[in-house]
Amino acid sequence: ALGMLGMDPSYSLVILDLALPGISGSGV
């Protein structure tokens, strides 16, 4: 997700789960 957001800053909203592999949702 962070990679996608870094490549395209035009997103209008992020819907974020907390229990993600790697970087947690709170970390994101």
PDB file of all heavy atoms in Angstrom:
ATOM      1  N   ALA A   1       0.829  -1.215   0.000  1.00  0.00           N
ATOM      2  CA  ALA A   1       0.000   0.000   0.000  1.00  0.00           C
ATOM      3  C   ALA A   1       0.857   1.256   0.000  1.00  0.00           C
ATOM      4  O   ALA A   1       0.595   2.191  -0.761  1.00  0.00           O
ATOM      5  CB  ALA A   1      -0.925  -0.003   1.209  1.00  0.00           C
ATOM      6  N   LEU A   2       1.878   1.289   0.842  1.00  0.00           N
ATOM      7  CA  LEU A   2       2.748   2.465   0.885  1.00  0.00           C
ATOM      8  C   LEU A   2       3.449   2.672  -0.447  1.00  0.00           C
ATOM      9  O   LEU A   2       3.603   3.806  -0.905  1.00  0.00           O
ATOM     10  CB  LEU A   2       3.754   2.347   2.031  1.00  0.00           C
ATOM     11  CG  LEU A   2       3.159   2.484   3.429  1.00  0.00           C
ATOM     12  CD1 LEU A   2       4.183   2.083   4.487  1.00  0.00           C
ATOM     13  CD2 LEU A   2       2.648   3.894   3.667  1.00  0.00           C
ATOM     14  N   GLY A   3       3.847   1.589  -1.094  1.00  0.00           N
ATOM     15  CA  GLY A   3       4.458   1.690  -2.418  1.00  0.00           C
ATOM     16  C   GLY A   3       3.502   2.258  -3.445  1.00  0.00           C
ATOM     17  O   GLY A   3       3.863   3.122  -4.250  1.00  0.00           O
ATOM     18  N   MET A   4       2.253   1.780  -3.415  1.00  0.00           N
ATOM     19  CA  MET A   4       1.238   2.286  -4.352  1.00  0.00           C
ATOM     20  C   MET A   4       0.966   3.767  -4.110  1.00  0.00           C
ATOM     21  O   MET A   4       0.880   4.547  -5.056  1.00  0.00           O
ATOM     22  CB  MET A   4      -0.058   1.482  -4.192  1.00  0.00           C
ATOM     23  CG  MET A   4       0.048   0.043  -4.656  1.00  0.00           C
ATOM     24  SD  MET A   4      -1.332  -0.999  -4.130  1.00  0.00           S
ATOM     25  CE  MET A   4      -2.705  -0.213  -4.950  1.00  0.00           C
ATOM     26  N   LEU A   5       0.843   4.148  -2.855  1.00  0.00           N
ATOM     27  CA  LEU A   5       0.578   5.547  -2.520  1.00  0.00           C
ATOM     28  C   LEU A   5       1.760   6.441  -2.887  1.00  0.00           C
ATOM     29  O   LEU A   5       1.576   7.588  -3.286  1.00  0.00           O
ATOM     30  CB  LEU A   5       0.252   5.684  -1.037  1.00  0.00           C
ATOM     31  CG  LEU A   5      -1.086   5.077  -0.611  1.00  0.00           C
ATOM     32  CD1 LEU A   5      -1.142   4.909   0.897  1.00  0.00           C
ATOM     33  CD2 LEU A   5      -2.236   5.915  -1.115  1.00  0.00           C
ATOM     34  N   GLY A   6       2.966   5.918  -2.761  1.00  0.00           N
ATOM     35  CA  GLY A   6       4.155   6.684  -3.123  1.00  0.00           C
ATOM     36  C   GLY A   6       4.266   6.917  -4.615  1.00  0.00           C
ATOM     37  O   GLY A   6       4.770   7.955  -5.055  1.00  0.00           O
ATOM     38  N   MET A   7       3.778   5.964  -5.403  1.00  0.00           N
ATOM     39  CA  MET A   7       3.858   6.086  -6.862  1.00  0.00           C
ATOM     40  C   MET A   7       2.723   6.920  -7.440  1.00  0.00           C
ATOM     41  O   MET A   7       2.850   7.467  -8.535  1.00  0.00           O
ATOM     42  CB  MET A   7       3.863   4.694  -7.494  1.00  0.00           C
ATOM     43  CG  MET A   7       5.128   3.912  -7.194  1.00  0.00           C
ATOM     44  SD  MET A   7       5.093   2.232  -7.840  1.00  0.00           S
ATOM     45  CE  MET A   7       4.865   2.520  -9.576  1.00  0.00           C
ATOM     46  N   ASP A   8       1.602   7.000  -6.731  1.00  0.00           N
ATOM     47  CA  ASP A   8       0.438   7.724  -7.249  1.00  0.00           C
ATOM     48  C   ASP A   8      -0.215   8.504  -6.112  1.00  0.00           C
ATOM     49  O   ASP A   8      -0.997   7.957  -5.348  1.00  0.00           O
ATOM     50  CB  ASP A   8      -0.565   6.742  -7.856  1.00  0.00           C
ATOM     51  CG  ASP A   8      -1.787   7.434  -8.449  1.00  0.00           C
ATOM     52  OD1 ASP A   8      -1.868   8.686  -8.403  1.00  0.00           O
ATOM     53  OD2 ASP A   8      -2.667   6.725  -8.955  1.00  0.00           O
ATOM     54  N   PRO A   9       0.089   9.786  -5.994  1.00  0.00           N
ATOM     55  CA  PRO A   9      -0.442  10.578  -4.888  1.00  0.00           C
ATOM     56  C   PRO A   9      -1.896  11.035  -5.069  1.00  0.00           C
ATOM     57  O   PRO A   9      -2.395  11.824  -4.280  1.00  0.00           O
ATOM     58  CB  PRO A   9       0.495  11.786  -4.849  1.00  0.00           C
ATOM     59  CG  PRO A   9       0.943  11.934  -6.261  1.00  0.00           C
ATOM     60  CD  PRO A   9       1.017  10.531  -6.817  1.00  0.00           C
ATOM     61  N   SER A  10      -2.598  10.517  -6.078  1.00  0.00           N
ATOM     62  CA  SER A  10      -3.943  11.009  -6.356  1.00  0.00           C
ATOM     63  C   SER A  10      -5.047  10.233  -5.624  1.00  0.00           C
ATOM     64  O   SER A  10      -6.227  10.472  -5.879  1.00  0.00           O
ATOM     65  CB  SER A  10      -4.213  10.967  -7.861  1.00  0.00           C
ATOM     66  OG  SER A  10      -4.288   9.626  -8.314  1.00  0.00           O
ATOM     67  N   TYR A  11      -4.709   9.335  -4.734  1.00  0.00           N
ATOM     68  CA  TYR A  11      -5.743   8.587  -4.004  1.00  0.00           C
ATOM     69  C   TYR A  11      -6.566   9.545  -3.150  1.00  0.00           C
ATOM     70  O   TYR A  11      -6.058  10.514  -2.604  1.00  0.00           O
ATOM     71  CB  TYR A  11      -5.115   7.509  -3.122  1.00  0.00           C
ATOM     72  CG  TYR A  11      -4.594   6.340  -3.919  1.00  0.00           C
ATOM     73  CD1 TYR A  11      -3.256   6.265  -4.282  1.00  0.00           C
ATOM     74  CD2 TYR A  11      -5.446   5.318  -4.311  1.00  0.00           C
ATOM     75  CE1 TYR A  11      -2.774   5.204  -5.024  1.00  0.00           C
ATOM     76  CE2 TYR A  11      -4.971   4.244  -5.059  1.00  0.00           C
ATOM     77  CZ  TYR A  11      -3.635   4.191  -5.413  1.00  0.00           C
ATOM     78  OH  TYR A  11      -3.177   3.141  -6.145  1.00  0.00           O
ATOM     79  N   SER A  12      -7.868   9.235  -3.013  1.00  0.00           N
ATOM     80  CA  SER A  12      -8.787  10.079  -2.255  1.00  0.00           C
ATOM     81  C   SER A  12      -9.076   9.550  -0.864  1.00  0.00           C
ATOM     82  O   SER A  12      -9.546  10.289  -0.005  1.00  0.00           O
ATOM     83  CB  SER A  12     -10.119  10.198  -2.997  1.00  0.00           C
ATOM     84  OG  SER A  12      -9.914  10.769  -4.253  1.00  0.00           O
ATOM     85  N   LEU A  13      -8.813   8.252  -0.634  1.00  0.00           N
ATOM     86  CA  LEU A  13      -9.145   7.621   0.634  1.00  0.00           C
ATOM     87  C   LEU A  13      -8.361   6.334   0.777  1.00  0.00           C
ATOM     88  O   LEU A  13      -8.175   5.611  -0.200  1.00  0.00           O
ATOM     89  CB  LEU A  13     -10.656   7.301   0.679  1.00  0.00           C
ATOM     90  CG  LEU A  13     -11.179   6.474   1.839  1.00  0.00           C
ATOM     91  CD1 LEU A  13     -11.084   7.236   3.156  1.00  0.00           C
ATOM     92  CD2 LEU A  13     -12.622   6.042   1.576  1.00  0.00           C
ATOM     93  N   VAL A  14      -7.944   6.032   2.005  1.00  0.00           N
ATOM     94  CA  VAL A  14      -7.343   4.741   2.333  1.00  0.00           C
ATOM     95  C   VAL A  14      -8.252   4.072   3.353  1.00  0.00           C
ATOM     96  O   VAL A  14      -8.606   4.677   4.363  1.00  0.00           O
ATOM     97  CB  VAL A  14      -5.925   4.906   2.926  1.00  0.00           C
ATOM     98  CG1 VAL A  14      -5.391   3.575   3.445  1.00  0.00           C
ATOM     99  CG2 VAL A  14      -4.980   5.493   1.894  1.00  0.00           C
ATOM    100  N   ILE A  15      -8.643   2.829   3.053  1.00  0.00           N
ATOM    101  CA  ILE A  15      -9.378   2.009   4.007  1.00  0.00           C
ATOM    102  C   ILE A  15      -8.382   0.990   4.522  1.00  0.00           C
ATOM    103  O   ILE A  15      -7.830   0.211   3.744  1.00  0.00           O
ATOM    104  CB  ILE A  15     -10.598   1.338   3.349  1.00  0.00           C
ATOM    105  CG1 ILE A  15     -11.534   2.416   2.794  1.00  0.00           C
ATOM    106  CG2 ILE A  15     -11.310   0.437   4.361  1.00  0.00           C
ATOM    107  CD1 ILE A  15     -12.661   1.881   1.949  1.00  0.00           C
ATOM    108  N   LEU A  16      -8.141   1.022   5.806  1.00  0.00           N
ATOM    109  CA  LEU A  16      -6.977   0.359   6.382  1.00  0.00           C
ATOM    110  C   LEU A  16      -7.360  -0.651   7.456  1.00  0.00           C
ATOM    111  O   LEU A  16      -8.022  -0.308   8.436  1.00  0.00           O
ATOM    112  CB  LEU A  16      -6.076   1.452   6.980  1.00  0.00           C
ATOM    113  CG  LEU A  16      -4.769   1.091   7.614  1.00  0.00           C
ATOM    114  CD1 LEU A  16      -3.861   0.398   6.620  1.00  0.00           C
ATOM    115  CD2 LEU A  16      -4.097   2.360   8.136  1.00  0.00           C
ATOM    116  N   ASP A  17      -6.949  -1.894   7.266  1.00  0.00           N
ATOM    117  CA  ASP A  17      -7.080  -2.934   8.280  1.00  0.00           C
ATOM    118  C   ASP A  17      -5.875  -2.816   9.213  1.00  0.00           C
ATOM    119  O   ASP A  17      -4.783  -2.440   8.776  1.00  0.00           O
ATOM    120  CB  ASP A  17      -7.099  -4.299   7.599  1.00  0.00           C
ATOM    121  CG  ASP A  17      -7.313  -5.463   8.552  1.00  0.00           C
ATOM    122  OD1 ASP A  17      -7.730  -5.237   9.708  1.00  0.00           O
ATOM    123  OD2 ASP A  17      -7.071  -6.614   8.142  1.00  0.00           O
ATOM    124  N   LEU A  18      -6.045  -3.125  10.475  1.00  0.00           N
ATOM    125  CA  LEU A  18      -4.931  -3.041  11.421  1.00  0.00           C
ATOM    126  C   LEU A  18      -4.018  -4.256  11.361  1.00  0.00           C
ATOM    127  O   LEU A  18      -2.815  -4.136  11.544  1.00  0.00           O
ATOM    128  CB  LEU A  18      -5.456  -2.858  12.846  1.00  0.00           C
ATOM    129  CG  LEU A  18      -6.179  -1.548  13.106  1.00  0.00           C
ATOM    130  CD1 LEU A  18      -6.686  -1.518  14.540  1.00  0.00           C
ATOM    131  CD2 LEU A  18      -5.284  -0.362  12.822  1.00  0.00           C
ATOM    132  N   ALA A  19      -4.586  -5.427  11.103  1.00  0.00           N
ATOM    133  CA  ALA A  19      -3.813  -6.671  11.122  1.00  0.00           C
ATOM    134  C   ALA A  19      -3.286  -6.981   9.726  1.00  0.00           C
ATOM    135  O   ALA A  19      -3.852  -7.782   8.997  1.00  0.00           O
ATOM    136  CB  ALA A  19      -4.684  -7.813  11.638  1.00  0.00           C
ATOM    137  N   LEU A  20      -2.209  -6.320   9.351  1.00  0.00           N
ATOM    138  CA  LEU A  20      -1.589  -6.538   8.052  1.00  0.00           C
ATOM    139  C   LEU A  20      -0.252  -7.233   8.246  1.00  0.00           C
ATOM    140  O   LEU A  20       0.428  -7.006   9.243  1.00  0.00           O
ATOM    141  CB  LEU A  20      -1.354  -5.197   7.346  1.00  0.00           C
ATOM    142  CG  LEU A  20      -2.580  -4.407   6.939  1.00  0.00           C
ATOM    143  CD1 LEU A  20      -2.166  -3.025   6.438  1.00  0.00           C
ATOM    144  CD2 LEU A  20      -3.344  -5.149   5.856  1.00  0.00           C
ATOM    145  N   PRO A  21       0.157  -8.058   7.276  1.00  0.00           N
ATOM    146  CA  PRO A  21       1.503  -8.635   7.358  1.00  0.00           C
ATOM    147  C   PRO A  21       2.554  -7.548   7.127  1.00  0.00           C
ATOM    148  O   PRO A  21       2.302  -6.571   6.426  1.00  0.00           O
ATOM    149  CB  PRO A  21       1.509  -9.664   6.225  1.00  0.00           C
ATOM    150  CG  PRO A  21       0.420  -9.259   5.292  1.00  0.00           C
ATOM    151  CD  PRO A  21      -0.587  -8.505   6.117  1.00  0.00           C
ATOM    152  N   GLY A  22       3.690  -7.692   7.745  1.00  0.00           N
ATOM    153  CA  GLY A  22       4.745  -6.685   7.616  1.00  0.00           C
ATOM    154  C   GLY A  22       4.419  -5.466   8.444  1.00  0.00           C
ATOM    155  O   GLY A  22       4.177  -5.556   9.638  1.00  0.00           O
ATOM    156  N   ILE A  23       4.339  -4.318   7.795  1.00  0.00           N
ATOM    157  CA  ILE A  23       3.996  -3.078   8.494  1.00  0.00           C
ATOM    158  C   ILE A  23       2.520  -3.151   8.882  1.00  0.00           C
ATOM    159  O   ILE A  23       1.660  -3.341   8.040  1.00  0.00           O
ATOM    160  CB  ILE A  23       4.241  -1.846   7.608  1.00  0.00           C
ATOM    161  CG1 ILE A  23       5.709  -1.759   7.190  1.00  0.00           C
ATOM    162  CG2 ILE A  23       3.834  -0.567   8.327  1.00  0.00           C
ATOM    163  CD1 ILE A  23       5.999  -0.678   6.170  1.00  0.00           C
ATOM    164  N   SER A  24       2.234  -2.990  10.161  1.00  0.00           N
ATOM    165  CA  SER A  24       0.847  -3.055  10.635  1.00  0.00           C
ATOM    166  C   SER A  24       0.053  -1.863  10.129  1.00  0.00           C
ATOM    167  O   SER A  24       0.610  -0.865   9.671  1.00  0.00           O
ATOM    168  CB  SER A  24       0.828  -3.061  12.161  1.00  0.00           C
ATOM    169  OG  SER A  24       1.240  -1.789  12.649  1.00  0.00           O
ATOM    170  N   GLY A  25      -1.257  -1.959  10.261  1.00  0.00           N
ATOM    171  CA  GLY A  25      -2.112  -0.848   9.869  1.00  0.00           C
ATOM    172  C   GLY A  25      -1.803   0.421  10.641  1.00  0.00           C
ATOM    173  O   GLY A  25      -1.784   1.517  10.076  1.00  0.00           O
ATOM    174  N   SER A  26      -1.534   0.295  11.941  1.00  0.00           N
ATOM    175  CA  SER A  26      -1.181   1.489  12.717  1.00  0.00           C
ATOM    176  C   SER A  26       0.165   2.042  12.272  1.00  0.00           C
ATOM    177  O   SER A  26       0.367   3.261  12.280  1.00  0.00           O
ATOM    178  CB  SER A  26      -1.205   1.199  14.221  1.00  0.00           C
ATOM    179  OG  SER A  26      -0.318   0.157  14.545  1.00  0.00           O
ATOM    180  N   GLY A  27       1.074   1.184  11.837  1.00  0.00           N
ATOM    181  CA  GLY A  27       2.346   1.647  11.290  1.00  0.00           C
ATOM    182  C   GLY A  27       2.167   2.387   9.977  1.00  0.00           C
ATOM    183  O   GLY A  27       2.821   3.401   9.723  1.00  0.00           O
ATOM    184  N   VAL A  28       1.268   1.878   9.133  1.00  0.00           N
ATOM    185  CA  VAL A  28       0.960   2.564   7.870  1.00  0.00           C
ATOM    186  C   VAL A  28       0.366   3.932   8.171  1.00  0.00           C
ATOM    187  O   VAL A  28       0.763   4.935   7.568  1.00  0.00           O
ATOM    188  CB  VAL A  28       0.003   1.720   6.998  1.00  0.00           C
ATOM    189  CG1 VAL A  28      -0.498   2.523   5.804  1.00  0.00           C
ATOM    190  CG2 VAL A  28       0.679   0.440   6.541  1.00  0.00           C
TER     191      VAL A  28
END
